[in-house]
PDB file of N, CA and C in Angstrom:
ATOM      1  N   GLU A   1     -37.555-178.466  58.077  1.00  0.00           N
ATOM      2  CA  GLU A   1     -37.448-177.111  58.410  1.00  0.00           C
ATOM      3  C   GLU A   1     -36.219-176.689  59.019  1.00  0.00           C
ATOM      4  N   GLY A   2     -35.929-177.703  60.059  1.00  0.00           N
ATOM      5  CA  GLY A   2     -34.541-177.452  60.676  1.00  0.00           C
ATOM      6  C   GLY A   2     -33.494-177.648  59.822  1.00  0.00           C
ATOM      7  N   CYS A   3     -33.517-178.487  58.817  1.00  0.00           N
ATOM      8  CA  CYS A   3     -32.474-178.782  57.994  1.00  0.00           C
ATOM      9  C   CYS A   3     -32.065-177.505  57.087  1.00  0.00           C
ATOM     10  N   GLU A   4     -33.284-177.072  56.671  1.00  0.00           N
ATOM     11  CA  GLU A   4     -33.211-175.750  55.744  1.00  0.00           C
ATOM     12  C   GLU A   4     -32.715-174.665  56.481  1.00  0.00           C
ATOM     13  N   GLN A   5     -33.212-174.331  57.707  1.00  0.00           N
ATOM     14  CA  GLN A   5     -32.647-173.276  58.415  1.00  0.00           C
ATOM     15  C   GLN A   5     -31.041-173.291  58.667  1.00  0.00           C
ATOM     16  N   GLU A   6     -30.694-174.367  59.186  1.00  0.00           N
ATOM     17  CA  GLU A   6     -29.325-174.800  59.336  1.00  0.00           C
ATOM     18  C   GLU A   6     -28.568-174.502  58.140  1.00  0.00           C
ATOM     19  N   GLY A   7     -28.903-175.026  56.984  1.00  0.00           N
ATOM     20  CA  GLY A   7     -28.304-174.902  55.597  1.00  0.00           C
ATOM     21  C   GLY A   7     -28.195-173.366  55.244  1.00  0.00           C
ATOM     22  N   SER A   8     -29.278-172.660  55.656  1.00  0.00           N
ATOM     23  CA  SER A   8     -29.189-171.257  55.086  1.00  0.00           C
ATOM     24  C   SER A   8     -28.133-170.583  56.163  1.00  0.00           C
ATOM     25  N   ASP A   9     -28.227-170.913  57.224  1.00  0.00           N
ATOM     26  CA  ASP A   9     -27.117-170.094  58.266  1.00  0.00           C
ATOM     27  C   ASP A   9     -25.582-170.676  57.622  1.00  0.00           C
ATOM     28  N   VAL A  10     -25.634-171.856  57.264  1.00  0.00           N
ATOM     29  CA  VAL A  10     -24.145-172.111  56.788  1.00  0.00           C
ATOM     30  C   VAL A  10     -23.978-171.406  55.589  1.00  0.00           C
ATOM     31  N   GLY A  11     -24.969-171.286  54.663  1.00  0.00           N
ATOM     32  CA  GLY A  11     -24.959-170.530  53.379  1.00  0.00           C
ATOM     33  C   GLY A  11     -24.638-168.983  53.700  1.00  0.00           C
ATOM     34  N   SER A  12     -25.176-168.377  54.827  1.00  0.00           N
ATOM     35  CA  SER A  12     -25.013-167.015  54.773  1.00  0.00           C
ATOM     36  C   SER A  12     -23.669-166.805  55.488  1.00  0.00           C
ATOM     37  N   GLN A  13     -23.196-167.925  56.210  1.00  0.00           N
ATOM     38  CA  GLN A  13     -21.930-167.784  56.885  1.00  0.00           C
ATOM     39  C   GLN A  13     -20.783-167.811  55.727  1.00  0.00           C
ATOM     40  N   SER A  14     -21.166-168.688  54.836  1.00  0.00           N
ATOM     41  CA  SER A  14     -19.951-168.868  53.920  1.00  0.00           C
ATOM     42  C   SER A  14     -19.987-167.499  52.857  1.00  0.00           C
ATOM     43  N   ALA A  15     -21.318-166.996  52.637  1.00  0.00           N
ATOM     44  CA  ALA A  15     -21.402-165.722  51.803  1.00  0.00           C
ATOM     45  C   ALA A  15     -20.503-164.751  52.559  1.00  0.00           C
ATOM     46  N   GLY A  16     -20.723-164.586  53.859  1.00  0.00           N
ATOM     47  CA  GLY A  16     -19.981-163.616  54.621  1.00  0.00           C
ATOM     48  C   GLY A  16     -18.594-163.704  54.539  1.00  0.00           C
ATOM     49  N   ARG A  17     -18.192-165.115  54.485  1.00  0.00           N
ATOM     50  CA  ARG A  17     -16.592-165.342  54.306  1.00  0.00           C
ATOM     51  C   ARG A  17     -16.143-164.845  53.044  1.00  0.00           C
ATOM     52  N   ARG A  18     -16.993-165.236  51.894  1.00  0.00           N
ATOM     53  CA  ARG A  18     -16.415-164.759  50.749  1.00  0.00           C
ATOM     54  C   ARG A  18     -16.505-163.314  50.457  1.00  0.00           C
ATOM     55  N   LYS A  19     -17.486-162.427  51.136  1.00  0.00           N
ATOM     56  CA  LYS A  19     -17.497-161.185  51.000  1.00  0.00           C
ATOM     57  C   LYS A  19     -16.087-160.399  51.867  1.00  0.00           C
ATOM     58  N   ARG A  20     -15.897-161.066  52.902  1.00  0.00           N
ATOM     59  CA  ARG A  20     -14.713-160.832  53.429  1.00  0.00           C
ATOM     60  C   ARG A  20     -13.343-161.150  52.820  1.00  0.00           C
ATOM     61  N   ALA A  21     -13.459-162.217  52.067  1.00  0.00           N
ATOM     62  CA  ALA A  21     -12.032-162.693  51.358  1.00  0.00           C
ATOM     63  C   ALA A  21     -12.017-161.670  50.107  1.00  0.00           C
ATOM     64  N   ARG A  22     -13.336-161.296  49.708  1.00  0.00           N
ATOM     65  CA  ARG A  22     -13.091-160.187  48.523  1.00  0.00           C
ATOM     66  C   ARG A  22     -12.746-158.758  49.077  1.00  0.00           C
ATOM     67  N   SER A  23     -13.248-158.362  49.941  1.00  0.00           N
ATOM     68  CA  SER A  23     -12.820-157.174  50.678  1.00  0.00           C
ATOM     69  C   SER A  23     -11.253-157.169  50.944  1.00  0.00           C
ATOM     70  N   SER A  24     -10.946-158.273  51.501  1.00  0.00           N
ATOM     71  CA  SER A  24      -9.477-158.369  51.863  1.00  0.00           C
ATOM     72  C   SER A  24      -8.704-158.371  50.648  1.00  0.00           C
ATOM     73  N   SER A  25      -8.914-158.987  49.563  1.00  0.00           N
ATOM     74  CA  SER A  25      -8.193-158.820  48.408  1.00  0.00           C
ATOM     75  C   SER A  25      -8.144-157.590  47.776  1.00  0.00           C
ATOM     76  N   ALA A  26      -9.476-157.003  47.797  1.00  0.00           N
ATOM     77  CA  ALA A  26      -9.496-155.686  47.074  1.00  0.00           C
ATOM     78  C   ALA A  26      -8.536-154.744  47.784  1.00  0.00           C
ATOM     79  N   ALA A  27      -8.525-155.037  49.351  1.00  0.00           N
ATOM     80  CA  ALA A  27      -7.577-154.113  50.146  1.00  0.00           C
ATOM     81  C   ALA A  27      -6.013-154.172  49.750  1.00  0.00           C
ATOM     82  N   SER A  28      -5.651-155.443  49.381  1.00  0.00           N
ATOM     83  CA  SER A  28      -4.304-155.734  48.882  1.00  0.00           C
ATOM     84  C   SER A  28      -3.916-154.998  47.719  1.00  0.00           C
ATOM     85  N   VAL A  29      -4.998-154.771  46.768  1.00  0.00           N
ATOM     86  CA  VAL A  29      -4.663-154.009  45.350  1.00  0.00           C
ATOM     87  C   VAL A  29      -5.167-152.585  45.676  1.00  0.00           C
ATOM     88  N   THR A  30      -4.224-151.857  45.844  1.00  0.00           N
ATOM     89  CA  THR A  30      -4.455-150.448  46.142  1.00  0.00           C
ATOM     90  C   THR A  30      -3.765-149.497  45.116  1.00  0.00           C
ATOM     91  N   THR A  31      -4.355-148.307  45.021  1.00  0.00           N
ATOM     92  CA  THR A  31      -3.847-147.281  44.352  1.00  0.00           C
ATOM     93  C   THR A  31      -3.263-146.234  44.897  1.00  0.00           C
ATOM     94  N   ALA A  32      -3.526-146.174  46.330  1.00  0.00           N
ATOM     95  CA  ALA A  32      -2.727-145.049  47.005  1.00  0.00           C
ATOM     96  C   ALA A  32      -1.557-145.807  47.859  1.00  0.00           C
ATOM     97  N   PRO A  33      -0.700-145.101  47.993  1.00  0.00           N
ATOM     98  CA  PRO A  33       0.509-146.002  48.867  1.00  0.00           C
ATOM     99  C   PRO A  33       0.101-145.825  50.364  1.00  0.00           C
ATOM    100  N   THR A  34       0.462-146.815  50.856  1.00  0.00           N
ATOM    101  CA  THR A  34       0.265-146.937  52.507  1.00  0.00           C
ATOM    102  C   THR A  34       1.626-146.690  53.079  1.00  0.00           C
ATOM    103  N   VAL A  35       1.724-146.579  54.245  1.00  0.00           N
ATOM    104  CA  VAL A  35       3.061-146.196  54.969  1.00  0.00           C
ATOM    105  C   VAL A  35       3.976-147.112  54.704  1.00  0.00           C
ATOM    106  N   SER A  36       3.897-148.466  54.791  1.00  0.00           N
ATOM    107  CA  SER A  36       4.714-149.510  54.297  1.00  0.00           C
ATOM    108  C   SER A  36       5.254-149.465  52.967  1.00  0.00           C
ATOM    109  N   GLU A  37       4.247-149.070  52.080  1.00  0.00           N
ATOM    110  CA  GLU A  37       4.625-149.040  50.858  1.00  0.00           C
ATOM    111  C   GLU A  37       5.502-147.783  50.403  1.00  0.00           C
ATOM    112  N   ASP A  38       5.298-146.644  51.064  1.00  0.00           N
ATOM    113  CA  ASP A  38       5.832-145.451  50.802  1.00  0.00           C
ATOM    114  C   ASP A  38       7.446-145.591  51.530  1.00  0.00           C
ATOM    115  N   SER A  39       7.676-146.305  52.502  1.00  0.00           N
ATOM    116  CA  SER A  39       9.051-146.598  53.032  1.00  0.00           C
ATOM    117  C   SER A  39       9.732-147.556  52.249  1.00  0.00           C
ATOM    118  N   VAL A  40       8.932-148.607  51.472  1.00  0.00           N
ATOM    119  CA  VAL A  40       9.751-149.616  50.846  1.00  0.00           C
ATOM    120  C   VAL A  40      10.103-149.026  49.374  1.00  0.00           C
ATOM    121  N   LEU A  41       9.234-148.324  48.943  1.00  0.00           N
ATOM    122  CA  LEU A  41       9.299-147.720  47.340  1.00  0.00           C
ATOM    123  C   LEU A  41       9.749-146.460  47.322  1.00  0.00           C
ATOM    124  N   GLY A  42       9.462-145.456  48.281  1.00  0.00           N
ATOM    125  CA  GLY A  42       9.853-144.044  48.120  1.00  0.00           C
ATOM    126  C   GLY A  42       8.622-143.193  47.680  1.00  0.00           C
ATOM    127  N   SER A  43       8.448-141.945  48.072  1.00  0.00           N
ATOM    128  CA  SER A  43       7.606-141.318  47.867  1.00  0.00           C
ATOM    129  C   SER A  43       7.466-140.671  46.446  1.00  0.00           C
ATOM    130  N   ALA A  44       8.316-140.899  45.577  1.00  0.00           N
ATOM    131  CA  ALA A  44       8.455-140.469  44.242  1.00  0.00           C
ATOM    132  C   ALA A  44       7.453-141.207  43.053  1.00  0.00           C
ATOM    133  N   PHE A  45       7.006-142.389  43.693  1.00  0.00           N
ATOM    134  CA  PHE A  45       6.292-143.191  42.879  1.00  0.00           C
ATOM    135  C   PHE A  45       4.866-142.982  43.027  1.00  0.00           C
ATOM    136  N   ILE A  46       4.192-143.102  41.892  1.00  0.00           N
ATOM    137  CA  ILE A  46       2.527-142.787  41.846  1.00  0.00           C
ATOM    138  C   ILE A  46       2.091-143.874  41.239  1.00  0.00           C
ATOM    139  N   ASN A  47       0.865-144.052  41.294  1.00  0.00           N
ATOM    140  CA  ASN A  47      -0.034-145.344  40.802  1.00  0.00           C
ATOM    141  C   ASN A  47       0.414-146.282  41.198  1.00  0.00           C
ATOM    142  N   LEU A  48       0.670-146.617  42.571  1.00  0.00           N
ATOM    143  CA  LEU A  48       1.229-148.043  43.082  1.00  0.00           C
ATOM    144  C   LEU A  48       0.034-149.010  43.025  1.00  0.00           C
ATOM    145  N   VAL A  49       0.273-150.030  42.329  1.00  0.00           N
ATOM    146  CA  VAL A  49      -0.617-151.345  42.383  1.00  0.00           C
ATOM    147  C   VAL A  49       0.214-152.609  42.679  1.00  0.00           C
ATOM    148  N   LYS A  50      -0.293-153.437  43.628  1.00  0.00           N
ATOM    149  CA  LYS A  50       0.486-154.490  43.982  1.00  0.00           C
ATOM    150  C   LYS A  50      -0.409-155.805  43.493  1.00  0.00           C
ATOM    151  N   ASN A  51       0.011-156.625  42.597  1.00  0.00           N
ATOM    152  CA  ASN A  51      -0.650-157.714  42.243  1.00  0.00           C
ATOM    153  C   ASN A  51       0.148-159.092  42.768  1.00  0.00           C
ATOM    154  N   LYS A  52      -0.577-159.601  43.490  1.00  0.00           N
ATOM    155  CA  LYS A  52       0.453-160.977  44.096  1.00  0.00           C
ATOM    156  C   LYS A  52       1.706-160.607  44.445  1.00  0.00           C
ATOM    157  N   LYS A  53       2.692-160.990  43.776  1.00  0.00           N
ATOM    158  CA  LYS A  53       4.051-160.629  43.952  1.00  0.00           C
ATOM    159  C   LYS A  53       4.920-159.550  43.193  1.00  0.00           C
ATOM    160  N   THR A  54       3.955-158.960  42.145  1.00  0.00           N
ATOM    161  CA  THR A  54       4.516-157.862  41.398  1.00  0.00           C
ATOM    162  C   THR A  54       3.882-156.522  41.814  1.00  0.00           C
ATOM    163  N   TRP A  55       4.659-155.456  41.610  1.00  0.00           N
ATOM    164  CA  TRP A  55       4.340-154.104  41.755  1.00  0.00           C
ATOM    165  C   TRP A  55       4.238-153.213  40.280  1.00  0.00           C
ATOM    166  N   SER A  56       3.312-152.442  40.389  1.00  0.00           N
ATOM    167  CA  SER A  56       3.284-151.671  38.978  1.00  0.00           C
ATOM    168  C   SER A  56       3.044-149.987  39.603  1.00  0.00           C
ATOM    169  N   PHE A  57       4.207-149.371  39.223  1.00  0.00           N
ATOM    170  CA  PHE A  57       3.987-147.805  39.544  1.00  0.00           C
ATOM    171  C   PHE A  57       4.868-146.997  38.332  1.00  0.00           C
ATOM    172  N   THR A  58       4.547-145.711  38.598  1.00  0.00           N
ATOM    173  CA  THR A  58       5.361-144.794  37.673  1.00  0.00           C
ATOM    174  C   THR A  58       5.736-143.667  38.367  1.00  0.00           C
ATOM    175  N   THR A  59       6.518-142.517  37.695  1.00  0.00           N
ATOM    176  CA  THR A  59       6.986-141.491  38.406  1.00  0.00           C
ATOM    177  C   THR A  59       6.316-140.294  37.615  1.00  0.00           C
ATOM    178  N   LEU A  60       6.406-139.220  37.987  1.00  0.00           N
ATOM    179  CA  LEU A  60       6.019-138.038  37.088  1.00  0.00           C
ATOM    180  C   LEU A  60       7.196-137.868  36.134  1.00  0.00           C
ATOM    181  N   GLU A  61       8.236-137.751  36.391  1.00  0.00           N
ATOM    182  CA  GLU A  61       9.451-137.883  35.566  1.00  0.00           C
ATOM    183  C   GLU A  61       9.211-138.868  34.095  1.00  0.00           C
ATOM    184  N   VAL A  62       8.791-140.220  34.554  1.00  0.00           N
ATOM    185  CA  VAL A  62       8.597-140.924  33.481  1.00  0.00           C
ATOM    186  C   VAL A  62       7.274-140.776  32.790  1.00  0.00           C
ATOM    187  N   MET A  63       6.387-140.181  33.208  1.00  0.00           N
ATOM    188  CA  MET A  63       4.961-139.731  32.557  1.00  0.00           C
ATOM    189  C   MET A  63       5.477-138.660  31.599  1.00  0.00           C
ATOM    190  N   LYS A  64       6.307-137.653  32.107  1.00  0.00           N
ATOM    191  CA  LYS A  64       6.571-136.416  31.359  1.00  0.00           C
ATOM    192  C   LYS A  64       7.469-136.860  30.033  1.00  0.00           C
ATOM    193  N   LEU A  65       8.365-137.979  30.156  1.00  0.00           N
ATOM    194  CA  LEU A  65       9.262-138.263  29.159  1.00  0.00           C
ATOM    195  C   LEU A  65       8.253-139.116  28.174  1.00  0.00           C
ATOM    196  N   ASN A  66       7.430-139.835  28.874  1.00  0.00           N
ATOM    197  CA  ASN A  66       6.613-140.498  27.837  1.00  0.00           C
ATOM    198  C   ASN A  66       5.742-139.608  26.828  1.00  0.00           C
ATOM    199  N   GLU A  67       5.108-138.394  27.422  1.00  0.00           N
ATOM    200  CA  GLU A  67       4.717-137.426  26.702  1.00  0.00           C
ATOM    201  C   GLU A  67       5.522-136.903  25.518  1.00  0.00           C
ATOM    202  N   ARG A  68       6.661-136.655  26.076  1.00  0.00           N
ATOM    203  CA  ARG A  68       7.741-136.071  24.921  1.00  0.00           C
ATOM    204  C   ARG A  68       7.965-136.927  23.833  1.00  0.00           C
ATOM    205  N   ILE A  69       8.018-138.202  24.230  1.00  0.00           N
ATOM    206  CA  ILE A  69       8.217-139.285  23.207  1.00  0.00           C
ATOM    207  C   ILE A  69       7.184-139.405  22.289  1.00  0.00           C
ATOM    208  N   LYS A  70       5.927-139.381  22.555  1.00  0.00           N
ATOM    209  CA  LYS A  70       4.768-139.431  21.743  1.00  0.00           C
ATOM    210  C   LYS A  70       4.855-138.235  20.877  1.00  0.00           C
ATOM    211  N   GLU A  71       5.086-137.050  21.449  1.00  0.00           N
ATOM    212  CA  GLU A  71       5.132-135.855  20.684  1.00  0.00           C
ATOM    213  C   GLU A  71       6.183-135.883  19.551  1.00  0.00           C
ATOM    214  N   SER A  72       7.464-136.568  19.892  1.00  0.00           N
ATOM    215  CA  SER A  72       8.540-136.485  18.938  1.00  0.00           C
ATOM    216  C   SER A  72       8.047-137.660  17.643  1.00  0.00           C
ATOM    217  N   LEU A  73       7.318-138.758  18.271  1.00  0.00           N
ATOM    218  CA  LEU A  73       6.962-139.735  17.231  1.00  0.00           C
ATOM    219  C   LEU A  73       5.669-138.983  16.324  1.00  0.00           C
ATOM    220  N   HIS A  74       4.932-138.287  16.819  1.00  0.00           N
ATOM    221  CA  HIS A  74       3.840-137.460  16.083  1.00  0.00           C
ATOM    222  C   HIS A  74       4.523-136.787  15.084  1.00  0.00           C
ATOM    223  N   GLU A  75       5.532-135.926  15.247  1.00  0.00           N
ATOM    224  CA  GLU A  75       6.561-135.166  14.569  1.00  0.00           C
ATOM    225  C   GLU A  75       7.194-135.912  13.510  1.00  0.00           C
ATOM    226  N   VAL A  76       7.583-137.084  13.699  1.00  0.00           N
ATOM    227  CA  VAL A  76       8.287-137.922  12.717  1.00  0.00           C
ATOM    228  C   VAL A  76       7.275-138.473  11.754  1.00  0.00           C
ATOM    229  N   PHE A  77       6.124-138.738  12.097  1.00  0.00           N
ATOM    230  CA  PHE A  77       5.169-138.975  11.334  1.00  0.00           C
ATOM    231  C   PHE A  77       4.764-137.981  10.287  1.00  0.00           C
ATOM    232  N   LEU A  78       4.667-136.673  10.919  1.00  0.00           N
ATOM    233  CA  LEU A  78       4.245-135.766   9.951  1.00  0.00           C
ATOM    234  C   LEU A  78       5.337-135.272   9.099  1.00  0.00           C
ATOM    235  N   LEU A  79       6.631-135.332   9.382  1.00  0.00           N
ATOM    236  CA  LEU A  79       7.822-134.926   8.542  1.00  0.00           C
ATOM    237  C   LEU A  79       7.994-136.096   7.389  1.00  0.00           C
ATOM    238  N   SER A  80       7.777-137.460   7.759  1.00  0.00           N
ATOM    239  CA  SER A  80       7.865-138.551   6.790  1.00  0.00           C
ATOM    240  C   SER A  80       6.976-138.819   6.010  1.00  0.00           C
ATOM    241  N   ALA A  81       5.721-138.355   6.146  1.00  0.00           N
ATOM    242  CA  ALA A  81       4.492-138.657   5.317  1.00  0.00           C
ATOM    243  C   ALA A  81       4.542-138.245   4.105  1.00  0.00           C
ATOM    244  N   PRO A  82       5.176-136.686   3.593  1.00  0.00           N
ATOM    245  CA  PRO A  82       5.331-136.232   2.300  1.00  0.00           C
ATOM    246  C   PRO A  82       6.537-137.007   1.561  1.00  0.00           C
ATOM    247  N   ILE A  83       7.559-137.505   2.144  1.00  0.00           N
ATOM    248  CA  ILE A  83       8.755-138.224   1.851  1.00  0.00           C
ATOM    249  C   ILE A  83       7.989-139.528   1.409  1.00  0.00           C
ATOM    250  N   VAL A  84       7.362-140.102   2.088  1.00  0.00           N
ATOM    251  CA  VAL A  84       6.850-141.488   1.645  1.00  0.00           C
ATOM    252  C   VAL A  84       5.767-141.343   0.506  1.00  0.00           C
ATOM    253  N   ASP A  85       5.052-140.231   0.318  1.00  0.00           N
ATOM    254  CA  ASP A  85       4.000-139.987  -0.526  1.00  0.00           C
ATOM    255  C   ASP A  85       4.586-139.995  -1.931  1.00  0.00           C
ATOM    256  N   ASP A  86       5.958-138.945  -1.990  1.00  0.00           N
ATOM    257  CA  ASP A  86       6.798-138.799  -3.159  1.00  0.00           C
ATOM    258  C   ASP A  86       7.393-140.016  -3.641  1.00  0.00           C
ATOM    259  N   LEU A  87       7.881-140.922  -2.736  1.00  0.00           N
ATOM    260  CA  LEU A  87       8.366-142.248  -3.155  1.00  0.00           C
ATOM    261  C   LEU A  87       7.627-143.132  -3.643  1.00  0.00           C
ATOM    262  N   LEU A  88       6.127-143.168  -3.227  1.00  0.00           N
ATOM    263  CA  LEU A  88       5.303-144.134  -3.874  1.00  0.00           C
ATOM    264  C   LEU A  88       4.741-143.292  -5.300  1.00  0.00           C
ATOM    265  N   ALA A  89       4.742-142.260  -5.152  1.00  0.00           N
ATOM    266  CA  ALA A  89       4.452-141.528  -6.598  1.00  0.00           C
ATOM    267  C   ALA A  89       5.419-141.973  -7.609  1.00  0.00           C
ATOM    268  N   GLY A  90       6.794-142.000  -7.352  1.00  0.00           N
ATOM    269  CA  GLY A  90       7.755-142.271  -8.236  1.00  0.00           C
ATOM    270  C   GLY A  90       7.816-143.697  -8.424  1.00  0.00           C
ATOM    271  N   ILE A  91       7.577-144.520  -7.572  1.00  0.00           N
ATOM    272  CA  ILE A  91       7.366-146.100  -7.925  1.00  0.00           C
ATOM    273  C   ILE A  91       6.374-146.471  -8.707  1.00  0.00           C
ATOM    274  N   ARG A  92       5.149-145.725  -8.728  1.00  0.00           N
ATOM    275  CA  ARG A  92       3.888-146.039  -9.319  1.00  0.00           C
ATOM    276  C   ARG A  92       4.021-146.131 -10.945  1.00  0.00           C
ATOM    277  N   GLU A  93       4.763-145.335 -11.448  1.00  0.00           N
ATOM    278  CA  GLU A  93       4.985-145.283 -12.871  1.00  0.00           C
ATOM    279  C   GLU A  93       5.808-146.791 -13.442  1.00  0.00           C
ATOM    280  N   TYR A  94       6.537-147.108 -12.494  1.00  0.00           N
ATOM    281  CA  TYR A  94       7.580-148.304 -12.793  1.00  0.00           C
ATOM    282  C   TYR A  94       6.867-149.630 -12.385  1.00  0.00           C
ATOM    283  N   ILE A  95       5.479-149.636 -11.715  1.00  0.00           N
ATOM    284  CA  ILE A  95       4.789-150.779 -11.123  1.00  0.00           C
ATOM    285  C   ILE A  95       4.606-151.770 -12.139  1.00  0.00           C
ATOM    286  N   GLY A  96       4.289-151.628 -13.300  1.00  0.00           N
ATOM    287  CA  GLY A  96       4.067-152.693 -14.495  1.00  0.00           C
ATOM    288  C   GLY A  96       5.483-153.424 -14.432  1.00  0.00           C
ATOM    289  N   ALA A  97       6.551-152.776 -14.618  1.00  0.00           N
ATOM    290  CA  ALA A  97       7.774-153.313 -14.931  1.00  0.00           C
ATOM    291  C   ALA A  97       8.373-154.229 -13.512  1.00  0.00           C
ATOM    292  N   LEU A  98       7.856-153.840 -12.535  1.00  0.00           N
ATOM    293  CA  LEU A  98       8.214-154.389 -11.163  1.00  0.00           C
ATOM    294  C   LEU A  98       7.458-155.804 -11.216  1.00  0.00           C
ATOM    295  N   TYR A  99       6.198-155.766 -11.623  1.00  0.00           N
ATOM    296  CA  TYR A  99       5.361-157.146 -11.646  1.00  0.00           C
ATOM    297  C   TYR A  99       5.862-157.954 -12.576  1.00  0.00           C
ATOM    298  N   VAL A 100       6.281-157.485 -13.663  1.00  0.00           N
ATOM    299  CA  VAL A 100       6.882-158.518 -14.665  1.00  0.00           C
ATOM    300  C   VAL A 100       8.185-159.058 -13.974  1.00  0.00           C
ATOM    301  N   LEU A 101       9.102-158.348 -13.596  1.00  0.00           N
ATOM    302  CA  LEU A 101      10.502-158.566 -12.780  1.00  0.00           C
ATOM    303  C   LEU A 101      10.236-159.599 -11.694  1.00  0.00           C
ATOM    304  N   SER A 102       8.913-159.366 -10.913  1.00  0.00           N
ATOM    305  CA  SER A 102       8.763-160.499  -9.900  1.00  0.00           C
ATOM    306  C   SER A 102       8.430-161.716 -10.469  1.00  0.00           C
ATOM    307  N   GLU A 103       7.549-161.719 -11.743  1.00  0.00           N
ATOM    308  CA  GLU A 103       7.188-162.779 -12.162  1.00  0.00           C
ATOM    309  C   GLU A 103       8.418-163.709 -12.755  1.00  0.00           C
ATOM    310  N   CYS A 104       9.287-163.061 -13.536  1.00  0.00           N
ATOM    311  CA  CYS A 104      10.600-163.670 -13.932  1.00  0.00           C
ATOM    312  C   CYS A 104      11.444-164.223 -12.870  1.00  0.00           C
ATOM    313  N   VAL A 105      11.532-163.623 -11.546  1.00  0.00           N
ATOM    314  CA  VAL A 105      12.431-164.100 -10.427  1.00  0.00           C
ATOM    315  C   VAL A 105      11.567-165.267 -10.180  1.00  0.00           C
ATOM    316  N   ALA A 106      10.073-165.348  -9.913  1.00  0.00           N
ATOM    317  CA  ALA A 106       9.499-166.565  -9.337  1.00  0.00           C
ATOM    318  C   ALA A 106       9.589-167.647 -10.444  1.00  0.00           C
ATOM    319  N   SER A 107       9.536-167.469 -11.485  1.00  0.00           N
ATOM    320  CA  SER A 107       9.782-168.497 -12.781  1.00  0.00           C
ATOM    321  C   SER A 107      11.283-169.081 -12.649  1.00  0.00           C
ATOM    322  N   LEU A 108      12.316-168.343 -12.512  1.00  0.00           N
ATOM    323  CA  LEU A 108      13.562-168.598 -12.384  1.00  0.00           C
ATOM    324  C   LEU A 108      13.857-169.395 -11.086  1.00  0.00           C
ATOM    325  N   ASP A 109      13.140-169.142  -9.955  1.00  0.00           N
ATOM    326  CA  ASP A 109      13.160-169.889  -8.842  1.00  0.00           C
ATOM    327  C   ASP A 109      12.752-171.193  -8.931  1.00  0.00           C
ATOM    328  N   MET A 110      11.410-171.252  -9.674  1.00  0.00           N
ATOM    329  CA  MET A 110      10.948-172.594  -9.811  1.00  0.00           C
ATOM    330  C   MET A 110      11.900-173.324 -10.806  1.00  0.00           C
ATOM    331  N   LEU A 111      12.439-173.012 -11.696  1.00  0.00           N
ATOM    332  CA  LEU A 111      13.197-173.668 -12.590  1.00  0.00           C
ATOM    333  C   LEU A 111      14.515-174.265 -11.846  1.00  0.00           C
ATOM    334  N   ALA A 112      14.971-173.527 -10.950  1.00  0.00           N
ATOM    335  CA  ALA A 112      16.181-173.905 -10.072  1.00  0.00           C
ATOM    336  C   ALA A 112      15.751-174.995  -8.954  1.00  0.00           C
ATOM    337  N   SER A 113      14.544-174.836  -8.558  1.00  0.00           N
ATOM    338  CA  SER A 113      14.098-175.701  -7.715  1.00  0.00           C
ATOM    339  C   SER A 113      13.803-177.180  -8.280  1.00  0.00           C
ATOM    340  N   PHE A 114      13.413-177.141  -9.616  1.00  0.00           N
ATOM    341  CA  PHE A 114      13.199-178.430 -10.526  1.00  0.00           C
ATOM    342  C   PHE A 114      14.642-178.959 -10.737  1.00  0.00           C
ATOM    343  N   ALA A 115      15.555-177.891 -11.042  1.00  0.00           N
ATOM    344  CA  ALA A 115      16.989-178.587 -11.532  1.00  0.00           C
ATOM    345  C   ALA A 115      17.602-179.345 -10.220  1.00  0.00           C
ATOM    346  N   ALA A 116      17.337-178.598  -9.047  1.00  0.00           N
ATOM    347  CA  ALA A 116      17.978-179.226  -7.753  1.00  0.00           C
ATOM    348  C   ALA A 116      17.293-180.442  -7.363  1.00  0.00           C
ATOM    349  N   THR A 117      16.018-180.746  -7.740  1.00  0.00           N
ATOM    350  CA  THR A 117      15.158-181.900  -7.549  1.00  0.00           C
ATOM    351  C   THR A 117      15.699-182.921  -8.416  1.00  0.00           C
ATOM    352  N   CYS A 118      15.891-182.706  -9.665  1.00  0.00           N
ATOM    353  CA  CYS A 118      16.418-183.848 -10.592  1.00  0.00           C
ATOM    354  C   CYS A 118      17.782-184.148 -10.294  1.00  0.00           C
ATOM    355  N   THR A 119      18.501-183.561  -9.863  1.00  0.00           N
ATOM    356  CA  THR A 119      19.959-183.801  -9.609  1.00  0.00           C
ATOM    357  C   THR A 119      20.211-184.356  -8.162  1.00  0.00           C
TER     358      THR A 119
END
């Protein structure tokens, strides 16, 4: 019984250490800037996260620019979709000839390979 009790005390002590270690590591990864982070990086940065030796953060200006880029990309997709559809419609009528042409190129490539191997 004495050994079991000592072992359980040691186990609870190590569990307490693990909890403290977890809480201390959780405290080092923070999303809100502390006074030291604010003085090092400045107050313009938001979403500060420190992982070991690296920092991740953003600014409101970068977030706004990112949103504008997403909107521009969406517009480009909307404008280019009909053009691509027209291009595909024009190519579809010649698709048979394109298959024959690709087969001829493949045969010619094979013959050239055989000729290079023989010489």
